Amino acid sequence: MNWMEDAACRGRTKLFFAPHRERPVAREIRERAAHAVCAGCPVKDECREFGQANNEYGIWGGEPEVLVVYAN
């Protein structure tokens, strides 16, 4: 995972993961800022692939966070 060393988001994790009880307007602002960082990132493809392959929460490679609902 050497690609993480070149990530534009390095050291800015709070932008990419929602805090507990985040309000909708705050979420929109945070996600917009995160997507802007991802847009210029040299390793966004690797990041996106990692997030998808590992079912990660948060924004990975500019992909929006997806809520997965499991049926019982």
N, C-alpha and C. Protein backbone atom coordinates (compact mmCIF):
# COMPACT_ATOMS: atom_id res chain seq x y z
N MET A 1 0.82 -1.19 0.00
CA MET A 1 0.00 0.00 0.00
C MET A 1 0.87 1.25 0.00
N ASN A 2 1.92 1.23 -0.76
CA ASN A 2 2.81 2.39 -0.87
C ASN A 2 2.12 3.59 -1.50
N TRP A 3 1.05 3.33 -2.24
CA TRP A 3 0.33 4.43 -2.89
C TRP A 3 -0.19 5.43 -1.86
N MET A 4 -0.46 4.99 -0.63
CA MET A 4 -1.00 5.89 0.40
C MET A 4 -0.02 7.02 0.74
N GLU A 5 1.26 6.78 0.56
CA GLU A 5 2.25 7.81 0.84
C GLU A 5 2.12 9.00 -0.10
N ASP A 6 1.57 8.78 -1.30
CA ASP A 6 1.43 9.83 -2.29
C ASP A 6 0.03 10.44 -2.32
N ALA A 7 -0.84 10.01 -1.43
CA ALA A 7 -2.23 10.47 -1.43
C ALA A 7 -2.35 11.94 -1.03
N ALA A 8 -3.17 12.68 -1.74
CA ALA A 8 -3.40 14.09 -1.45
C ALA A 8 -4.10 14.29 -0.11
N CYS A 9 -4.77 13.26 0.36
CA CYS A 9 -5.54 13.36 1.61
C CYS A 9 -4.72 13.01 2.85
N ARG A 10 -3.50 12.65 2.66
CA ARG A 10 -2.66 12.22 3.79
C ARG A 10 -2.68 13.25 4.92
N GLY A 11 -3.08 12.80 6.11
CA GLY A 11 -3.17 13.68 7.26
C GLY A 11 -4.47 14.45 7.38
N ARG A 12 -5.41 14.17 6.49
CA ARG A 12 -6.68 14.90 6.48
C ARG A 12 -7.87 13.96 6.63
N THR A 13 -7.74 12.92 7.41
CA THR A 13 -8.76 11.87 7.48
C THR A 13 -10.13 12.35 7.92
N LYS A 14 -10.21 13.40 8.71
CA LYS A 14 -11.52 13.87 9.18
C LYS A 14 -12.44 14.29 8.04
N LEU A 15 -11.87 14.67 6.91
CA LEU A 15 -12.69 15.04 5.76
C LEU A 15 -13.40 13.84 5.14
N PHE A 16 -12.84 12.68 5.29
CA PHE A 16 -13.30 11.52 4.54
C PHE A 16 -14.17 10.55 5.32
N PHE A 17 -14.35 10.79 6.60
CA PHE A 17 -15.15 9.90 7.44
C PHE A 17 -16.10 10.73 8.28
N ALA A 18 -17.36 10.40 8.23
CA ALA A 18 -18.39 11.16 8.93
C ALA A 18 -18.28 11.00 10.45
N PRO A 19 -18.34 12.11 11.17
CA PRO A 19 -18.36 12.01 12.63
C PRO A 19 -19.74 11.56 13.11
N HIS A 20 -19.82 11.10 14.31
CA HIS A 20 -21.08 10.66 14.90
C HIS A 20 -22.09 11.82 14.90
N ARG A 21 -23.28 11.55 14.45
CA ARG A 21 -24.39 12.52 14.42
C ARG A 21 -24.11 13.76 13.59
N GLU A 22 -23.44 13.59 12.50
CA GLU A 22 -23.17 14.72 11.62
C GLU A 22 -24.46 15.20 10.99
N ARG A 23 -24.66 16.48 10.98
CA ARG A 23 -25.87 17.06 10.39
C ARG A 23 -25.73 17.10 8.87
N PRO A 24 -26.88 17.05 8.17
CA PRO A 24 -26.85 16.98 6.70
C PRO A 24 -26.07 18.10 6.02
N VAL A 25 -26.23 19.33 6.46
CA VAL A 25 -25.52 20.45 5.83
C VAL A 25 -24.02 20.32 6.06
N ALA A 26 -23.63 19.95 7.27
CA ALA A 26 -22.21 19.76 7.58
C ALA A 26 -21.63 18.63 6.74
N ARG A 27 -22.42 17.57 6.56
CA ARG A 27 -21.97 16.43 5.75
C ARG A 27 -21.73 16.86 4.31
N GLU A 28 -22.66 17.64 3.77
CA GLU A 28 -22.53 18.10 2.39
C GLU A 28 -21.26 18.94 2.21
N ILE A 29 -21.00 19.82 3.13
CA ILE A 29 -19.80 20.68 3.06
C ILE A 29 -18.54 19.83 3.17
N ARG A 30 -18.52 18.90 4.13
CA ARG A 30 -17.35 18.04 4.33
C ARG A 30 -17.10 17.18 3.10
N GLU A 31 -18.16 16.58 2.57
CA GLU A 31 -17.99 15.70 1.41
C GLU A 31 -17.54 16.47 0.18
N ARG A 32 -18.05 17.68 0.00
CA ARG A 32 -17.63 18.50 -1.14
C ARG A 32 -16.13 18.80 -1.05
N ALA A 33 -15.66 19.10 0.15
CA ALA A 33 -14.23 19.36 0.35
C ALA A 33 -13.41 18.10 0.09
N ALA A 34 -13.90 16.95 0.55
CA ALA A 34 -13.20 15.68 0.34
C ALA A 34 -13.10 15.35 -1.15
N HIS A 35 -14.20 15.53 -1.87
CA HIS A 35 -14.19 15.24 -3.30
C HIS A 35 -13.24 16.17 -4.06
N ALA A 36 -13.10 17.41 -3.59
CA ALA A 36 -12.16 18.34 -4.22
C ALA A 36 -10.73 17.86 -4.03
N VAL A 37 -10.42 17.34 -2.85
CA VAL A 37 -9.07 16.80 -2.61
C VAL A 37 -8.84 15.60 -3.51
N CYS A 38 -9.82 14.72 -3.61
CA CYS A 38 -9.69 13.52 -4.45
C CYS A 38 -9.51 13.86 -5.93
N ALA A 39 -10.17 14.90 -6.38
CA ALA A 39 -10.12 15.25 -7.80
C ALA A 39 -8.70 15.46 -8.31
N GLY A 40 -7.84 16.02 -7.48
CA GLY A 40 -6.46 16.27 -7.91
C GLY A 40 -5.46 15.26 -7.40
N CYS A 41 -5.93 14.17 -6.84
CA CYS A 41 -5.03 13.20 -6.23
C CYS A 41 -4.38 12.28 -7.28
N PRO A 42 -3.07 12.10 -7.21
CA PRO A 42 -2.38 11.26 -8.18
C PRO A 42 -2.64 9.76 -8.00
N VAL A 43 -3.20 9.36 -6.87
CA VAL A 43 -3.42 7.93 -6.62
C VAL A 43 -4.90 7.60 -6.38
N LYS A 44 -5.81 8.43 -6.92
CA LYS A 44 -7.23 8.21 -6.65
C LYS A 44 -7.74 6.88 -7.19
N ASP A 45 -7.20 6.40 -8.30
CA ASP A 45 -7.65 5.11 -8.83
C ASP A 45 -7.29 3.96 -7.90
N GLU A 46 -6.07 3.97 -7.40
CA GLU A 46 -5.63 2.94 -6.46
C GLU A 46 -6.45 3.00 -5.18
N CYS A 47 -6.72 4.21 -4.73
CA CYS A 47 -7.50 4.42 -3.52
C CYS A 47 -8.92 3.89 -3.70
N ARG A 48 -9.55 4.22 -4.81
CA ARG A 48 -10.91 3.76 -5.09
C ARG A 48 -10.95 2.23 -5.13
N GLU A 49 -10.01 1.62 -5.80
CA GLU A 49 -9.95 0.16 -5.89
C GLU A 49 -9.80 -0.47 -4.51
N PHE A 50 -8.95 0.11 -3.66
CA PHE A 50 -8.75 -0.39 -2.31
C PHE A 50 -10.05 -0.29 -1.50
N GLY A 51 -10.70 0.85 -1.56
CA GLY A 51 -11.95 1.04 -0.83
C GLY A 51 -13.02 0.07 -1.25
N GLN A 52 -13.15 -0.15 -2.54
CA GLN A 52 -14.16 -1.09 -3.05
C GLN A 52 -13.82 -2.53 -2.67
N ALA A 53 -12.57 -2.90 -2.83
CA ALA A 53 -12.16 -4.28 -2.56
C ALA A 53 -12.30 -4.65 -1.09
N ASN A 54 -12.20 -3.66 -0.21
CA ASN A 54 -12.22 -3.92 1.23
C ASN A 54 -13.50 -3.44 1.92
N ASN A 55 -14.49 -3.05 1.11
CA ASN A 55 -15.77 -2.57 1.66
C ASN A 55 -15.58 -1.52 2.74
N GLU A 56 -14.74 -0.54 2.45
CA GLU A 56 -14.41 0.50 3.41
C GLU A 56 -15.51 1.55 3.52
N TYR A 57 -15.66 2.10 4.71
CA TYR A 57 -16.54 3.24 4.92
C TYR A 57 -15.79 4.50 4.55
N GLY A 58 -16.52 5.57 4.33
CA GLY A 58 -15.89 6.85 4.02
C GLY A 58 -15.75 7.04 2.52
N ILE A 59 -15.07 8.08 2.15
CA ILE A 59 -14.85 8.42 0.75
C ILE A 59 -13.47 7.91 0.36
N TRP A 60 -13.44 7.08 -0.66
CA TRP A 60 -12.18 6.49 -1.15
C TRP A 60 -12.07 6.76 -2.64
N GLY A 61 -11.06 7.49 -3.06
CA GLY A 61 -10.85 7.77 -4.47
C GLY A 61 -11.95 8.58 -5.12
N GLY A 62 -12.60 9.40 -4.32
CA GLY A 62 -13.66 10.25 -4.86
C GLY A 62 -15.01 9.58 -4.95
N GLU A 63 -15.10 8.33 -4.57
CA GLU A 63 -16.38 7.62 -4.58
C GLU A 63 -17.22 8.06 -3.39
N PRO A 64 -18.50 8.31 -3.60
CA PRO A 64 -19.34 8.65 -2.45
C PRO A 64 -19.51 7.44 -1.53
N GLU A 65 -19.68 7.72 -0.26
CA GLU A 65 -19.90 6.64 0.69
C GLU A 65 -21.28 6.03 0.42
N VAL A 66 -21.34 4.73 0.43
CA VAL A 66 -22.59 4.03 0.16
C VAL A 66 -23.04 3.32 1.42
N LEU A 67 -24.29 3.51 1.77
CA LEU A 67 -24.85 2.83 2.91
C LEU A 67 -25.30 1.45 2.46
N VAL A 68 -24.77 0.43 3.06
CA VAL A 68 -25.14 -0.93 2.71
C VAL A 68 -26.13 -1.44 3.74
N VAL A 69 -27.28 -1.88 3.27
CA VAL A 69 -28.30 -2.39 4.15
C VAL A 69 -28.44 -3.89 3.90
N TYR A 70 -28.32 -4.65 4.96
CA TYR A 70 -28.43 -6.11 4.85
C TYR A 70 -29.80 -6.55 5.33
N ALA A 71 -30.46 -7.38 4.55
CA ALA A 71 -31.77 -7.92 4.93
C ALA A 71 -31.56 -9.09 5.88
N ASN A 72 -32.40 -9.19 6.88
CA ASN A 72 -32.34 -10.30 7.82
C ASN A 72 -33.18 -11.46 7.36
